[in-house]
């Protein structure tokens, strides 16, 4: 049976890491961006609206050094394309997010 912790880490904030999640967790830190790209650069990160390799995502921060897997993930989340997040400004809470129009009438309690 699979470890649910690893399953949760394989998909975070709309980014599907797949086996890269475990590889980043097991990597020895500190590590440079170059080291991660050399080791895992061909790994594909999948998003709701596309995909990119780790190399493509981290190419925006080539001089970065990471002291943990959490820092590496943060860099990935910060550098994925805007369309990776799905509907920009979306919120499932009331009132509608900035720039969205509500289709429901305003309620008063």
C-alpha atoms as a PDB file:
ATOM      1  CA  UNK A   1       0.000   0.000   0.000  1.00  0.00           C
ATOM      2  CA  UNK A   2       1.312   3.489  -0.815  1.00  0.00           C
ATOM      3  CA  UNK A   3       2.261   6.010   1.852  1.00  0.00           C
ATOM      4  CA  UNK A   4      -0.438   8.736   1.943  1.00  0.00           C
ATOM      5  CA  UNK A   5       2.159  11.328   2.921  1.00  0.00           C
ATOM      6  CA  UNK A   6       4.035  10.702  -0.319  1.00  0.00           C
ATOM      7  CA  UNK A   7       0.777  10.826  -2.308  1.00  0.00           C
ATOM      8  CA  UNK A   8      -0.041  14.217  -0.791  1.00  0.00           C
ATOM      9  CA  UNK A   9       3.440  15.518  -1.589  1.00  0.00           C
ATOM     10  CA  UNK A  10       3.187  14.317  -5.196  1.00  0.00           C
ATOM     11  CA  UNK A  11       0.530  16.990  -5.877  1.00  0.00           C
ATOM     12  CA  UNK A  12       0.703  20.362  -4.178  1.00  0.00           C
ATOM     13  CA  UNK A  13      -0.875  23.700  -5.023  1.00  0.00           C
ATOM     14  CA  UNK A  14      -1.930  22.489  -8.453  1.00  0.00           C
ATOM     15  CA  UNK A  15       1.513  21.140  -9.384  1.00  0.00           C
ATOM     16  CA  UNK A  16       1.808  17.397 -10.016  1.00  0.00           C
ATOM     17  CA  UNK A  17       5.347  16.375  -9.040  1.00  0.00           C
ATOM     18  CA  UNK A  18       5.012  12.626  -9.550  1.00  0.00           C
ATOM     19  CA  UNK A  19       8.170  10.765  -8.519  1.00  0.00           C
ATOM     20  CA  UNK A  20      10.076  14.064  -8.341  1.00  0.00           C
ATOM     21  CA  UNK A  21       8.373  14.728  -4.969  1.00  0.00           C
ATOM     22  CA  UNK A  22      10.203  11.806  -3.382  1.00  0.00           C
ATOM     23  CA  UNK A  23      13.449  12.611  -5.199  1.00  0.00           C
ATOM     24  CA  UNK A  24      13.452  16.192  -3.886  1.00  0.00           C
ATOM     25  CA  UNK A  25      12.712  14.959  -0.364  1.00  0.00           C
ATOM     26  CA  UNK A  26      15.609  12.484  -0.515  1.00  0.00           C
ATOM     27  CA  UNK A  27      18.129  14.840  -2.126  1.00  0.00           C
ATOM     28  CA  UNK A  28      21.054  16.032  -0.009  1.00  0.00           C
ATOM     29  CA  UNK A  29      20.891  19.738   0.836  1.00  0.00           C
ATOM     30  CA  UNK A  30      22.174  22.378   0.524  1.00  0.00           C
ATOM     31  CA  UNK A  31      21.981  22.067  -3.249  1.00  0.00           C
ATOM     32  CA  UNK A  32      22.326  24.534  -6.065  1.00  0.00           C
ATOM     33  CA  UNK A  33      19.764  24.987  -8.785  1.00  0.00           C
ATOM     34  CA  UNK A  34      22.341  23.594 -11.200  1.00  0.00           C
ATOM     35  CA  UNK A  35      22.679  20.400  -9.128  1.00  0.00           C
ATOM     36  CA  UNK A  36      18.922  19.833  -9.036  1.00  0.00           C
ATOM     37  CA  UNK A  37      18.627  20.455 -12.771  1.00  0.00           C
ATOM     38  CA  UNK A  38      21.535  18.101 -13.452  1.00  0.00           C
ATOM     39  CA  UNK A  39      19.912  15.364 -11.350  1.00  0.00           C
ATOM     40  CA  UNK A  40      16.219  15.851 -12.140  1.00  0.00           C
ATOM     41  CA  UNK A  41      15.963  18.434 -14.933  1.00  0.00           C
ATOM     42  CA  UNK A  42      14.036  16.141 -17.279  1.00  0.00           C
ATOM     43  CA  UNK A  43      11.343  15.413 -14.679  1.00  0.00           C
ATOM     44  CA  UNK A  44       7.990  16.707 -15.907  1.00  0.00           C
ATOM     45  CA  UNK A  45       5.823  18.891 -13.684  1.00  0.00           C
ATOM     46  CA  UNK A  46       2.180  18.775 -14.737  1.00  0.00           C
ATOM     47  CA  UNK A  47      -0.346  21.549 -14.208  1.00  0.00           C
ATOM     48  CA  UNK A  48      -4.016  21.970 -14.902  1.00  0.00           C
ATOM     49  CA  UNK A  49      -3.206  23.712 -18.196  1.00  0.00           C
ATOM     50  CA  UNK A  50       0.056  22.162 -19.345  1.00  0.00           C
ATOM     51  CA  UNK A  51       3.416  20.913 -18.227  1.00  0.00           C
ATOM     52  CA  UNK A  52       7.078  21.893 -18.018  1.00  0.00           C
ATOM     53  CA  UNK A  53      10.282  20.158 -17.098  1.00  0.00           C
ATOM     54  CA  UNK A  54      12.017  21.022 -13.851  1.00  0.00           C
ATOM     55  CA  UNK A  55      14.812  22.505 -15.941  1.00  0.00           C
ATOM     56  CA  UNK A  56      12.402  24.909 -17.644  1.00  0.00           C
ATOM     57  CA  UNK A  57      10.890  26.011 -14.331  1.00  0.00           C
ATOM     58  CA  UNK A  58      14.192  26.489 -12.518  1.00  0.00           C
ATOM     59  CA  UNK A  59      15.880  28.201 -15.480  1.00  0.00           C
ATOM     60  CA  UNK A  60      14.426  31.442 -14.090  1.00  0.00           C
ATOM     61  CA  UNK A  61      16.552  31.151 -10.922  1.00  0.00           C
ATOM     62  CA  UNK A  62      19.830  29.583 -12.088  1.00  0.00           C
ATOM     63  CA  UNK A  63      21.942  31.010  -9.239  1.00  0.00           C
ATOM     64  CA  UNK A  64      19.610  29.894  -6.434  1.00  0.00           C
ATOM     65  CA  UNK A  65      20.793  27.651  -3.610  1.00  0.00           C
ATOM     66  CA  UNK A  66      18.336  25.531  -1.645  1.00  0.00           C
ATOM     67  CA  UNK A  67      18.789  24.432   1.954  1.00  0.00           C
ATOM     68  CA  UNK A  68      15.831  22.031   2.000  1.00  0.00           C
ATOM     69  CA  UNK A  69      13.268  20.325  -0.199  1.00  0.00           C
ATOM     70  CA  UNK A  70      10.757  22.904   1.035  1.00  0.00           C
ATOM     71  CA  UNK A  71      12.887  25.721  -0.400  1.00  0.00           C
ATOM     72  CA  UNK A  72      13.199  23.876  -3.714  1.00  0.00           C
ATOM     73  CA  UNK A  73       9.407  23.421  -3.855  1.00  0.00           C
ATOM     74  CA  UNK A  74       8.870  27.104  -3.056  1.00  0.00           C
ATOM     75  CA  UNK A  75      11.101  28.052  -5.990  1.00  0.00           C
ATOM     76  CA  UNK A  76       9.114  25.716  -8.233  1.00  0.00           C
ATOM     77  CA  UNK A  77       5.758  27.160  -7.106  1.00  0.00           C
ATOM     78  CA  UNK A  78       7.117  30.679  -7.597  1.00  0.00           C
ATOM     79  CA  UNK A  79       8.301  30.023 -11.144  1.00  0.00           C
ATOM     80  CA  UNK A  80       5.592  27.938 -12.777  1.00  0.00           C
ATOM     81  CA  UNK A  81       3.693  29.818 -15.500  1.00  0.00           C
ATOM     82  CA  UNK A  82       0.550  31.735 -14.575  1.00  0.00           C
ATOM     83  CA  UNK A  83      -1.694  29.340 -16.484  1.00  0.00           C
ATOM     84  CA  UNK A  84      -0.523  26.537 -14.183  1.00  0.00           C
ATOM     85  CA  UNK A  85      -2.791  27.820 -11.432  1.00  0.00           C
ATOM     86  CA  UNK A  86      -5.983  27.478 -13.451  1.00  0.00           C
ATOM     87  CA  UNK A  87      -8.496  30.303 -13.247  1.00  0.00           C
ATOM     88  CA  UNK A  88      -6.631  33.404 -12.140  1.00  0.00           C
ATOM     89  CA  UNK A  89      -8.221  35.169  -9.170  1.00  0.00           C
ATOM     90  CA  UNK A  90     -10.646  32.298  -8.560  1.00  0.00           C
ATOM     91  CA  UNK A  91     -12.179  31.882  -5.133  1.00  0.00           C
ATOM     92  CA  UNK A  92     -14.977  29.562  -4.101  1.00  0.00           C
ATOM     93  CA  UNK A  93     -15.880  31.888  -1.259  1.00  0.00           C
ATOM     94  CA  UNK A  94     -18.330  34.768  -1.210  1.00  0.00           C
ATOM     95  CA  UNK A  95     -17.866  37.574  -2.224  1.00  0.00           C
ATOM     96  CA  UNK A  96     -16.363  36.942  -5.639  1.00  0.00           C
ATOM     97  CA  UNK A  97     -12.641  37.423  -6.089  1.00  0.00           C
ATOM     98  CA  UNK A  98     -11.391  40.701  -7.496  1.00  0.00           C
ATOM     99  CA  UNK A  99     -12.333  40.938 -11.145  1.00  0.00           C
ATOM    100  CA  UNK A 100     -15.006  38.213 -10.996  1.00  0.00           C
ATOM    101  CA  UNK A 101     -18.718  38.762 -11.383  1.00  0.00           C
ATOM    102  CA  UNK A 102     -21.074  36.892  -9.102  1.00  0.00           C
ATOM    103  CA  UNK A 103     -23.987  35.135 -10.770  1.00  0.00           C
ATOM    104  CA  UNK A 104     -25.888  34.940  -7.477  1.00  0.00           C
ATOM    105  CA  UNK A 105     -27.875  37.727  -5.879  1.00  0.00           C
ATOM    106  CA  UNK A 106     -26.377  39.300  -2.762  1.00  0.00           C
ATOM    107  CA  UNK A 107     -27.755  37.753   0.414  1.00  0.00           C
ATOM    108  CA  UNK A 108     -28.544  39.545   3.631  1.00  0.00           C
ATOM    109  CA  UNK A 109     -28.854  37.712   6.916  1.00  0.00           C
END
